């Protein structure tokens, strides 16, 4: 019997899409402005998932260099057809709607072809594209009609509902104008459509209600890929809103036949903390829940929390960086290099407050997390940071004979400093539950920032409220990324250790 772990994939991994090929499953998730873009995880049992590669591993595949924060790779759909893996995604405010292919999901993937309108004047306007084929080989791209070009009022964006076009994949061009499909029960932001033919009927699964506390999944059924569709009487099929469930914001799902013949739904959700469960530290993660079929309709079970055991990651930089390392709007190799058993970062004038910092990191995967790096700052200044974006970050930095902890939250800045003797120092950044004395309505966690000089004892510089690095406060589509950075000269990271667990 398959054990369903939740989260299925820990940390910042939103908008999951899954496909089964033989007896293996492949999972793709969003990356926004981070590179490499669109990670691909593989499983042979739906319990253990391995990161096998990314879709965007070369400059130019995603045009994220200049996208605003929160833009970039939005909501991929991964499918397998005629011996090829296909992935469609919107590079929001970047290249536009794209189609990638690969013979092996681990890569390499193609450069990405724009999906053009019927007249070829531009890309299909919308987000969250899905790709499906009928028995005759006709390709359908179904998408959410959120309009991202032109003047956009973030409080009242233009939205055309769920739309669809038939596409000639040889020309990468629509062969018709978009038409409207079923767009849900009337909740805001109908999005994340996925289209399936199951037992002779076509099902259109969508998300609605927004990706926050109102998030939900609804389904419609029709006789053909283009409908007409009628909604299920039990819609929405799943939503955690107004419930005490530990996993909230559940939505944006994709159906797949899992092991043992069990239908499953992978979907996004968050794990909020605090007295009012108001702060989701790690952002949107990937979860899974069983699906039953009743009277020709899918019934999606509530998402149950079942975390994996804690982990320890110890890195000595005696080999190239593994696939878990990511950077902001550029590839890790453009930011850092492994040299003589150390990871070297060279400053370029940017800081953590810039949109392209000299920063390379790994997702925070557990609600309790302890990270220590050993840094040689004899030739520069840099440190260890946890980042949501250029407006929300915490760091502990060493160089020029001083260690400084720095909290920066949307223009509110505070620093705590202590002298440093020597050039090699251990920097510490710990995410822990709030200590005694917190009021009943507490935060998500506390960060403890400190350092240990060579041959000395640990010195803690600051304890900082973790709610400022939550998806609700930062209003972010991403999540926490722990990383190292340089702001002057060159710094060398000699070791990295992260330990984490989920209570």
Protein backbone atom coordinates (compact mmCIF):
# COMPACT_ATOMS: atom_id res chain seq x y z
CA UNK A 1 0.00 0.00 0.00
CA UNK A 2 1.39 3.38 -1.01
CA UNK A 3 2.14 5.84 1.79
CA UNK A 4 1.15 9.36 0.76
CA UNK A 5 3.53 11.85 2.34
CA UNK A 6 2.40 15.45 2.77
CA UNK A 7 4.06 17.61 1.74
CA UNK A 8 4.80 15.41 -1.25
CA UNK A 9 7.68 17.78 -2.14
CA UNK A 10 8.79 20.11 0.66
CA UNK A 11 9.45 23.82 0.33
CA UNK A 12 8.78 26.29 -2.47
CA UNK A 13 7.28 23.98 -5.15
CA UNK A 14 3.93 25.46 -6.26
CA UNK A 15 1.54 24.74 -9.13
CA UNK A 16 2.34 21.02 -9.49
CA UNK A 17 1.61 19.06 -12.65
CA UNK A 18 2.18 15.32 -12.90
CA UNK A 19 2.24 12.69 -15.64
CA UNK A 20 2.56 8.92 -15.51
CA UNK A 21 4.76 7.20 -18.11
CA UNK A 22 4.80 3.44 -17.66
CA UNK A 23 5.42 2.81 -13.98
CA UNK A 24 7.11 6.15 -13.30
CA UNK A 25 5.71 9.57 -12.44
CA UNK A 26 7.14 12.97 -13.39
CA UNK A 27 6.29 16.17 -11.53
CA UNK A 28 6.87 19.79 -12.70
CA UNK A 29 6.45 22.95 -10.60
CA UNK A 30 6.75 26.74 -10.96
CA UNK A 31 9.94 28.73 -10.35
CA UNK A 32 9.02 32.35 -11.24
CA UNK A 33 12.21 34.47 -11.42
CA UNK A 34 14.60 31.73 -10.21
CA UNK A 35 16.94 29.68 -12.42
CA UNK A 36 17.38 26.91 -13.36
CA UNK A 37 13.69 26.96 -14.13
CA UNK A 38 10.91 24.39 -13.72
CA UNK A 39 12.29 21.44 -11.73
CA UNK A 40 11.38 17.90 -12.77
CA UNK A 41 10.99 15.32 -10.01
CA UNK A 42 10.63 11.60 -10.72
CA UNK A 43 9.21 8.80 -8.61
CA UNK A 44 8.91 5.06 -9.08
CA UNK A 45 6.51 4.54 -6.17
CA UNK A 46 4.86 7.94 -5.47
CA UNK A 47 6.62 8.00 -2.09
CA UNK A 48 10.23 8.85 -2.88
CA UNK A 49 10.81 11.73 -5.30
CA UNK A 50 14.14 12.55 -6.94
CA UNK A 51 15.03 15.86 -8.58
CA UNK A 52 16.34 14.69 -11.97
CA UNK A 53 16.72 18.02 -13.78
CA UNK A 54 15.14 21.26 -14.91
CA UNK A 55 13.50 22.43 -18.11
CA UNK A 56 15.30 25.79 -18.31
CA UNK A 57 19.03 25.20 -17.84
CA UNK A 58 20.40 27.53 -20.53
CA UNK A 59 20.23 31.31 -20.95
CA UNK A 60 17.30 32.37 -23.09
CA UNK A 61 14.97 29.43 -22.54
CA UNK A 62 13.07 31.59 -20.07
CA UNK A 63 13.21 35.35 -20.41
CA UNK A 64 13.40 36.09 -16.68
CA UNK A 65 16.36 38.51 -16.78
CA UNK A 66 14.14 41.55 -16.54
CA UNK A 67 10.79 40.24 -15.29
CA UNK A 68 9.26 41.95 -12.27
CA UNK A 69 9.36 40.06 -9.00
CA UNK A 70 6.74 37.32 -9.18
CA UNK A 71 6.99 37.07 -12.96
CA UNK A 72 8.68 34.32 -14.92
CA UNK A 73 7.76 30.62 -15.03
CA UNK A 74 4.08 30.26 -14.04
CA UNK A 75 2.23 26.96 -13.72
CA UNK A 76 3.65 24.37 -16.11
CA UNK A 77 1.73 21.36 -17.42
CA UNK A 78 3.76 18.23 -18.19
CA UNK A 79 2.42 15.50 -20.47
CA UNK A 80 3.78 12.61 -22.59
CA UNK A 81 2.60 12.05 -26.18
CA UNK A 82 3.98 10.10 -29.15
CA UNK A 83 7.22 9.26 -27.34
CA UNK A 84 8.01 12.82 -26.24
CA UNK A 85 7.59 14.77 -23.03
CA UNK A 86 5.73 18.03 -23.60
CA UNK A 87 5.64 20.96 -21.20
CA UNK A 88 3.67 24.17 -21.65
CA UNK A 89 4.12 27.16 -19.38
CA UNK A 90 3.62 30.91 -19.31
CA UNK A 91 6.80 32.94 -18.93
CA UNK A 92 4.85 35.79 -17.39
CA UNK A 93 6.08 39.27 -18.36
CA UNK A 94 8.93 37.44 -20.11
CA UNK A 95 8.78 35.51 -23.40
CA UNK A 96 5.11 34.56 -23.16
CA UNK A 97 3.36 31.19 -23.52
CA UNK A 98 5.91 28.48 -24.37
CA UNK A 99 6.05 24.84 -25.45
CA UNK A 100 9.07 22.68 -24.56
CA UNK A 101 9.82 19.09 -25.55
CA UNK A 102 12.31 16.43 -24.47
CA UNK A 103 12.93 12.75 -25.17
CA UNK A 104 13.96 12.34 -21.51
CA UNK A 105 12.29 14.34 -18.72
CA UNK A 106 15.72 14.79 -17.13
CA UNK A 107 16.65 16.85 -20.18
CA UNK A 108 17.96 18.40 -22.22
CA UNK A 109 14.74 20.19 -23.12
CA UNK A 110 14.21 22.23 -26.27
CA UNK A 111 14.78 25.99 -26.37
CA UNK A 112 11.05 26.61 -26.04
CA UNK A 113 8.75 27.67 -28.88
CA UNK A 114 6.31 30.52 -28.51
CA UNK A 115 2.67 29.48 -28.90
CA UNK A 116 1.41 32.09 -31.36
CA UNK A 117 -2.02 33.46 -32.05
CA UNK A 118 -3.86 32.50 -35.23
CA UNK A 119 -2.59 35.52 -37.12
CA UNK A 120 0.95 35.07 -35.75
CA UNK A 121 1.04 38.60 -34.35
CA UNK A 122 2.00 37.53 -30.82
CA UNK A 123 1.79 34.81 -28.24
CA UNK A 124 -1.49 33.43 -26.94
CA UNK A 125 -2.51 35.75 -24.10
CA UNK A 126 -3.15 33.85 -20.88
CA UNK A 127 -1.62 31.86 -18.05
CA UNK A 128 -1.54 28.29 -16.70
CA UNK A 129 -1.70 26.51 -20.07
CA UNK A 130 -2.67 22.84 -20.37
CA UNK A 131 -1.96 20.62 -23.38
CA UNK A 132 -4.04 17.61 -24.46
CA UNK A 133 -4.73 15.54 -27.59
CA UNK A 134 -7.89 13.82 -28.70
CA UNK A 135 -8.01 10.38 -30.34
CA UNK A 136 -7.61 11.98 -33.78
CA UNK A 137 -4.39 13.74 -32.78
CA UNK A 138 -5.83 17.26 -32.54
CA UNK A 139 -3.91 19.29 -29.97
CA UNK A 140 -5.82 21.52 -27.55
CA UNK A 141 -4.25 24.22 -25.40
CA UNK A 142 -6.57 25.26 -22.58
CA UNK A 143 -5.62 28.20 -20.40
CA UNK A 144 -6.73 30.86 -17.96
CA UNK A 145 -7.56 34.14 -19.69
CA UNK A 146 -5.78 36.48 -17.29
CA UNK A 147 -4.53 39.43 -19.35
CA UNK A 148 -0.99 40.45 -18.39
CA UNK A 149 -0.19 42.98 -21.11
CA UNK A 150 -1.04 46.66 -21.12
CA UNK A 151 -2.21 48.64 -18.10
CA UNK A 152 -3.17 46.17 -15.36
CA UNK A 153 -4.98 47.10 -12.17
CA UNK A 154 -3.80 44.47 -9.65
CA UNK A 155 -7.08 44.83 -7.77
CA UNK A 156 -9.23 44.33 -10.86
CA UNK A 157 -7.24 42.56 -13.58
CA UNK A 158 -8.89 41.74 -16.88
CA UNK A 159 -9.84 38.07 -16.85
CA UNK A 160 -11.61 36.23 -19.66
CA UNK A 161 -12.16 32.96 -17.77
CA UNK A 162 -11.04 29.54 -18.98
CA UNK A 163 -10.27 29.61 -22.71
CA UNK A 164 -9.12 27.10 -25.32
CA UNK A 165 -7.61 26.93 -28.80
CA UNK A 166 -6.66 24.15 -31.14
CA UNK A 167 -2.95 24.40 -31.98
CA UNK A 168 -0.79 23.25 -34.86
CA UNK A 169 2.34 22.16 -32.96
CA UNK A 170 4.44 22.02 -36.14
CA UNK A 171 3.89 25.74 -36.65
CA UNK A 172 3.31 26.49 -32.95
CA UNK A 173 0.30 28.54 -33.95
CA UNK A 174 -3.36 28.51 -32.99
CA UNK A 175 -5.67 27.46 -35.79
CA UNK A 176 -8.65 29.38 -34.40
CA UNK A 177 -9.51 32.27 -32.14
CA UNK A 178 -9.77 31.45 -28.42
CA UNK A 179 -13.17 30.31 -27.23
CA UNK A 180 -14.55 30.34 -23.71
CA UNK A 181 -15.11 27.08 -21.86
CA UNK A 182 -16.67 26.42 -18.48
CA UNK A 183 -15.15 28.80 -15.90
CA UNK A 184 -16.25 27.35 -12.57
CA UNK A 185 -18.84 28.25 -9.96
CA UNK A 186 -18.36 32.02 -10.09
CA UNK A 187 -15.43 32.40 -7.72
CA UNK A 188 -12.58 34.73 -8.67
CA UNK A 189 -9.59 33.78 -10.81
CA UNK A 190 -10.63 30.61 -12.65
CA UNK A 191 -7.23 29.17 -13.52
CA UNK A 192 -5.04 26.05 -13.68
CA UNK A 193 -7.18 24.12 -16.18
CA UNK A 194 -6.35 20.49 -16.91
CA UNK A 195 -8.18 18.44 -19.52
CA UNK A 196 -8.52 14.62 -19.46
CA UNK A 197 -10.34 11.93 -21.38
CA UNK A 198 -11.40 9.25 -18.87
CA UNK A 199 -13.69 6.33 -19.74
CA UNK A 200 -15.06 8.05 -22.83
CA UNK A 201 -15.86 11.41 -21.19
CA UNK A 202 -13.82 14.60 -21.05
CA UNK A 203 -13.16 16.28 -17.70
CA UNK A 204 -12.06 19.88 -17.17
CA UNK A 205 -10.43 20.40 -13.77
CA UNK A 206 -9.81 24.00 -12.71
CA UNK A 207 -8.81 26.06 -9.68
CA UNK A 208 -10.84 29.04 -8.53
CA UNK A 209 -11.10 31.37 -5.56
CA UNK A 210 -7.54 32.73 -5.80
CA UNK A 211 -4.39 31.02 -4.55
CA UNK A 212 -4.94 32.26 -0.98
CA UNK A 213 -7.38 31.01 1.70
CA UNK A 214 -10.29 30.80 -0.78
CA UNK A 215 -8.44 28.45 -3.13
CA UNK A 216 -10.41 25.44 -4.40
CA UNK A 217 -10.74 22.87 -7.17
CA UNK A 218 -13.85 22.37 -9.30
CA UNK A 219 -14.60 20.05 -12.23
CA UNK A 220 -16.85 19.90 -15.26
CA UNK A 221 -17.66 17.08 -17.69
CA UNK A 222 -18.39 17.03 -21.40
CA UNK A 223 -18.60 14.77 -24.47
CA UNK A 224 -15.56 16.22 -26.28
CA UNK A 225 -12.34 18.10 -25.59
CA UNK A 226 -14.03 21.37 -26.47
CA UNK A 227 -17.19 20.63 -24.49
CA UNK A 228 -19.86 21.63 -23.88
CA UNK A 229 -19.10 21.21 -20.18
CA UNK A 230 -21.40 20.96 -17.17
CA UNK A 231 -20.18 21.44 -13.61
CA UNK A 232 -20.24 18.70 -10.99
CA UNK A 233 -23.07 19.03 -8.45
CA UNK A 234 -20.57 18.74 -5.57
CA UNK A 235 -18.31 21.64 -6.64
CA UNK A 236 -15.95 22.75 -5.26
CA UNK A 237 -14.43 19.31 -4.90
CA UNK A 238 -11.80 20.42 -2.40
CA UNK A 239 -11.16 23.57 -0.39
CA UNK A 240 -9.69 24.15 3.06
CA UNK A 241 -11.30 27.56 3.55
CA UNK A 242 -13.11 28.06 6.88
CA UNK A 243 -11.75 24.73 8.18
CA UNK A 244 -9.22 23.91 10.93
CA UNK A 245 -7.12 21.80 8.56
CA UNK A 246 -3.34 22.22 8.99
CA UNK A 247 -2.91 22.50 5.21
CA UNK A 248 -4.65 25.57 3.77
CA UNK A 249 -4.97 27.21 0.32
CA UNK A 250 -5.46 23.78 -1.27
CA UNK A 251 -6.03 24.05 -5.01
CA UNK A 252 -4.38 24.04 -8.45
CA UNK A 253 -4.65 20.26 -8.83
CA UNK A 254 -3.74 17.68 -11.46
CA UNK A 255 -5.17 14.15 -11.64
CA UNK A 256 -3.11 11.01 -12.24
CA UNK A 257 -3.49 7.27 -11.89
CA UNK A 258 -1.14 6.29 -9.08
CA UNK A 259 0.22 3.00 -7.80
CA UNK A 260 -2.19 0.16 -7.03
CA UNK A 261 -4.75 1.61 -9.45
CA UNK A 262 -5.55 4.50 -7.08
CA UNK A 263 -6.45 7.85 -8.62
CA UNK A 264 -4.62 10.75 -7.00
CA UNK A 265 -4.65 14.54 -7.13
CA UNK A 266 -1.43 16.50 -6.71
CA UNK A 267 -2.09 20.08 -5.67
CA UNK A 268 -0.58 23.05 -3.94
CA UNK A 269 -1.13 24.14 -0.34
CA UNK A 270 0.52 25.93 2.56
CA UNK A 271 1.29 25.05 6.17
CA UNK A 272 0.38 28.15 8.17
CA UNK A 273 1.36 28.76 11.78
CA UNK A 274 0.40 31.22 14.50
CA UNK A 275 -2.61 31.58 16.78
CA UNK A 276 -4.75 32.58 13.82
CA UNK A 277 -2.79 30.40 11.37
CA UNK A 278 -1.91 33.55 9.49
CA UNK A 279 1.69 32.95 8.40
CA UNK A 280 2.93 30.38 5.89
CA UNK A 281 6.70 30.40 6.24
CA UNK A 282 7.68 28.13 3.36
CA UNK A 283 5.21 29.39 0.79
CA UNK A 284 3.24 27.07 -1.47
CA UNK A 285 4.30 23.42 -1.45
CA UNK A 286 3.20 20.30 -3.33
CA UNK A 287 0.73 17.91 -1.67
CA UNK A 288 -1.26 14.85 -2.74
CA UNK A 289 -4.63 13.36 -1.83
CA UNK A 290 -6.71 10.34 -2.95
CA UNK A 291 -9.48 10.60 -5.53
CA UNK A 292 -12.56 8.36 -5.68
CA UNK A 293 -15.03 8.14 -8.57
CA UNK A 294 -18.74 8.35 -7.75
CA UNK A 295 -21.44 8.45 -10.38
CA UNK A 296 -19.01 9.51 -13.08
CA UNK A 297 -17.51 12.36 -11.02
CA UNK A 298 -14.20 12.57 -9.15
CA UNK A 299 -14.38 13.12 -5.38
CA UNK A 300 -11.16 14.58 -3.94
CA UNK A 301 -10.40 13.83 -0.29
CA UNK A 302 -9.28 16.57 2.11
CA UNK A 303 -5.50 16.89 2.24
CA UNK A 304 -4.00 15.20 5.29
CA UNK A 305 -0.72 16.30 6.88
CA UNK A 306 1.87 13.49 6.89
CA UNK A 307 5.38 14.98 6.96
CA UNK A 308 8.51 13.00 6.23
CA UNK A 309 11.32 12.53 8.78
CA UNK A 310 13.80 15.35 9.20
CA UNK A 311 16.83 15.69 6.97
CA UNK A 312 20.47 16.72 7.16
CA UNK A 313 22.30 18.12 4.13
CA UNK A 314 26.07 18.47 4.39
CA UNK A 315 28.00 19.88 1.43
CA UNK A 316 31.76 20.11 1.11
CA UNK A 317 32.04 21.58 -2.45
CA UNK A 318 34.35 18.88 -3.76
CA UNK A 319 32.01 18.35 -6.75
CA UNK A 320 29.90 20.56 -9.04
CA UNK A 321 26.78 22.08 -7.52
CA UNK A 322 23.82 19.71 -7.51
CA UNK A 323 20.40 20.45 -9.03
CA UNK A 324 18.98 21.93 -5.82
CA UNK A 325 20.96 25.17 -6.12
CA UNK A 326 19.12 28.13 -7.65
CA UNK A 327 19.88 31.79 -8.32
CA UNK A 328 17.84 34.92 -8.98
CA UNK A 329 17.23 35.83 -12.64
CA UNK A 330 20.44 34.07 -13.66
CA UNK A 331 21.92 30.60 -13.42
CA UNK A 332 24.02 29.51 -10.42
CA UNK A 333 27.09 29.15 -12.67
CA UNK A 334 26.78 32.87 -13.46
CA UNK A 335 26.95 33.66 -9.75
CA UNK A 336 29.30 31.14 -8.14
CA UNK A 337 32.05 28.64 -9.02
CA UNK A 338 33.42 25.57 -7.27
CA UNK A 339 37.17 26.04 -6.95
CA UNK A 340 39.60 23.85 -4.99
CA UNK A 341 36.90 22.43 -2.73
CA UNK A 342 35.24 25.78 -2.03
CA UNK A 343 32.31 27.70 -3.49
CA UNK A 344 33.54 31.13 -4.55
CA UNK A 345 31.27 34.13 -5.10
CA UNK A 346 32.59 37.40 -6.49
CA UNK A 347 30.68 40.63 -5.89
CA UNK A 348 29.48 42.74 -8.82
CA UNK A 349 28.18 45.80 -6.99
CA UNK A 350 24.78 44.34 -6.18
CA UNK A 351 23.31 43.57 -2.74
CA UNK A 352 20.43 41.46 -1.48
CA UNK A 353 18.21 44.51 -2.08
CA UNK A 354 18.85 44.28 -5.83
CA UNK A 355 16.87 42.20 -8.30
CA UNK A 356 19.99 40.32 -9.48
CA UNK A 357 22.06 39.71 -6.34
CA UNK A 358 25.22 37.62 -6.21
CA UNK A 359 23.27 34.96 -4.32
CA UNK A 360 22.91 31.22 -4.75
CA UNK A 361 20.75 29.11 -2.51
CA UNK A 362 18.52 26.15 -1.71
CA UNK A 363 14.88 26.05 -0.66
CA UNK A 364 14.08 25.92 3.05
CA UNK A 365 12.32 22.56 3.24
CA UNK A 366 11.30 22.24 6.90
CA UNK A 367 9.41 24.42 9.36
CA UNK A 368 12.29 24.10 11.82
CA UNK A 369 15.65 24.61 10.13
CA UNK A 370 19.26 25.13 11.22
CA UNK A 371 21.85 26.25 8.65
CA UNK A 372 25.57 26.80 9.22
CA UNK A 373 28.13 27.83 6.60
CA UNK A 374 31.87 28.22 7.01
CA UNK A 375 33.02 31.30 5.17
CA UNK A 376 36.47 32.63 4.30
CA UNK A 377 36.22 36.42 4.07
CA UNK A 378 39.91 37.22 3.72
CA UNK A 379 39.28 38.65 0.23
CA UNK A 380 35.82 40.15 0.59
CA UNK A 381 32.50 40.53 2.39
CA UNK A 382 29.50 38.23 2.19
CA UNK A 383 27.26 36.03 4.22
CA UNK A 384 24.35 33.68 4.75
CA UNK A 385 20.78 34.81 4.04
CA UNK A 386 17.19 33.69 3.87
CA UNK A 387 15.32 35.39 1.05
CA UNK A 388 11.76 35.85 -0.17
CA UNK A 389 12.68 38.64 -2.59
CA UNK A 390 14.71 41.85 -2.74
CA UNK A 391 12.32 43.53 -0.27
CA UNK A 392 12.14 40.76 2.33
CA UNK A 393 15.33 39.08 3.54
CA UNK A 394 17.44 38.32 6.61
CA UNK A 395 21.20 37.87 6.63
CA UNK A 396 24.28 37.44 8.77
CA UNK A 397 27.31 38.92 7.05
CA UNK A 398 31.06 38.89 7.72
CA UNK A 399 34.00 40.95 6.44
CA UNK A 400 36.37 43.78 7.36
CA UNK A 401 36.61 42.59 10.96
CA UNK A 402 32.90 42.67 11.77
CA UNK A 403 29.89 40.37 11.70
CA UNK A 404 26.47 41.99 11.14
CA UNK A 405 23.00 40.54 11.32
CA UNK A 406 20.60 42.44 9.07
CA UNK A 407 16.81 42.36 8.83
CA UNK A 408 15.23 44.08 5.81
CA UNK A 409 11.46 44.06 5.44
CA UNK A 410 9.94 46.39 2.85
CA UNK A 411 12.17 49.33 3.77
CA UNK A 412 12.27 48.62 7.51
CA UNK A 413 15.90 47.85 8.33
CA UNK A 414 17.70 46.90 11.51
CA UNK A 415 21.26 45.75 12.17
CA UNK A 416 23.17 44.13 15.02
CA UNK A 417 27.00 43.89 14.90
CA UNK A 418 29.97 42.38 16.74
CA UNK A 419 33.73 42.41 16.07
CA UNK A 420 35.34 39.46 14.30
CA UNK A 421 38.91 38.28 14.72
CA UNK A 422 40.28 36.21 11.88
CA UNK A 423 39.07 35.55 8.36
CA UNK A 424 37.26 32.22 8.71
CA UNK A 425 33.92 32.16 10.50
CA UNK A 426 30.89 29.93 10.89
CA UNK A 427 27.65 31.81 10.22
CA UNK A 428 24.35 30.50 11.65
CA UNK A 429 20.77 31.06 10.58
CA UNK A 430 18.17 29.08 12.53
CA UNK A 431 14.38 28.97 12.07
CA UNK A 432 12.80 27.84 15.36
CA UNK A 433 9.45 27.87 17.12
CA UNK A 434 8.79 31.03 19.17
CA UNK A 435 10.26 30.86 22.66
CA UNK A 436 8.54 31.35 26.03
CA UNK A 437 6.82 34.66 26.59
CA UNK A 438 5.12 34.98 23.21
CA UNK A 439 1.51 36.01 23.41
CA UNK A 440 -1.24 33.56 22.47
CA UNK A 441 -1.57 34.81 18.89
CA UNK A 442 2.00 34.06 17.91
CA UNK A 443 4.07 34.13 14.76
CA UNK A 444 5.19 31.42 12.36
CA UNK A 445 8.68 31.10 13.85
CA UNK A 446 11.71 33.05 15.01
CA UNK A 447 15.04 33.42 13.26
CA UNK A 448 18.20 33.30 15.35
CA UNK A 449 21.21 34.85 13.61
CA UNK A 450 24.69 34.27 14.96
CA UNK A 451 28.30 33.33 14.31
CA UNK A 452 31.15 31.25 15.72
CA UNK A 453 34.68 32.61 15.22
CA UNK A 454 37.50 30.13 14.62
CA UNK A 455 38.34 28.47 17.93
CA UNK A 456 35.66 30.46 19.76
CA UNK A 457 32.12 30.10 21.12
CA UNK A 458 28.91 30.88 19.31
CA UNK A 459 27.64 34.45 19.55
CA UNK A 460 23.96 35.14 18.82
CA UNK A 461 23.38 38.62 17.42
CA UNK A 462 19.61 38.77 16.94
CA UNK A 463 16.25 37.01 17.23
CA UNK A 464 13.83 38.16 14.52
CA UNK A 465 10.11 37.52 14.02
CA UNK A 466 9.71 35.07 11.14
CA UNK A 467 6.28 36.27 10.07
CA UNK A 468 7.95 38.91 7.88
CA UNK A 469 9.32 36.06 5.79
CA UNK A 470 5.99 34.40 5.11
CA UNK A 471 3.99 34.28 1.89
CA UNK A 472 1.17 36.33 3.43
CA UNK A 473 3.38 39.23 4.56
CA UNK A 474 5.72 39.23 1.56
CA UNK A 475 2.68 38.59 -0.68
CA UNK A 476 4.86 36.24 -2.66
CA UNK A 477 4.26 33.37 -5.06
CA UNK A 478 7.61 31.83 -4.09
CA UNK A 479 9.00 30.78 -0.69
CA UNK A 480 12.03 30.93 1.54
CA UNK A 481 15.40 30.31 -0.10
CA UNK A 482 18.49 29.89 2.10
CA UNK A 483 21.70 30.96 0.42
CA UNK A 484 25.13 32.53 0.41
CA UNK A 485 26.04 35.85 -1.16
CA UNK A 486 28.84 38.36 -1.78
CA UNK A 487 28.70 42.16 -1.64
CA UNK A 488 32.41 43.08 -1.87
CA UNK A 489 35.45 41.31 -3.28
CA UNK A 490 35.28 37.52 -3.22
CA UNK A 491 34.15 35.17 -0.48
CA UNK A 492 34.68 31.40 -0.32
CA UNK A 493 32.20 29.00 1.24
CA UNK A 494 34.07 26.03 2.69
CA UNK A 495 31.10 24.02 3.97
CA UNK A 496 27.32 24.04 4.23
CA UNK A 497 25.17 22.14 6.74
CA UNK A 498 21.38 22.31 6.99
CA UNK A 499 19.30 20.25 9.40
CA UNK A 500 15.52 20.43 9.46
CA UNK A 501 12.39 18.79 10.75
CA UNK A 502 8.62 19.23 10.77
CA UNK A 503 6.84 18.80 14.09
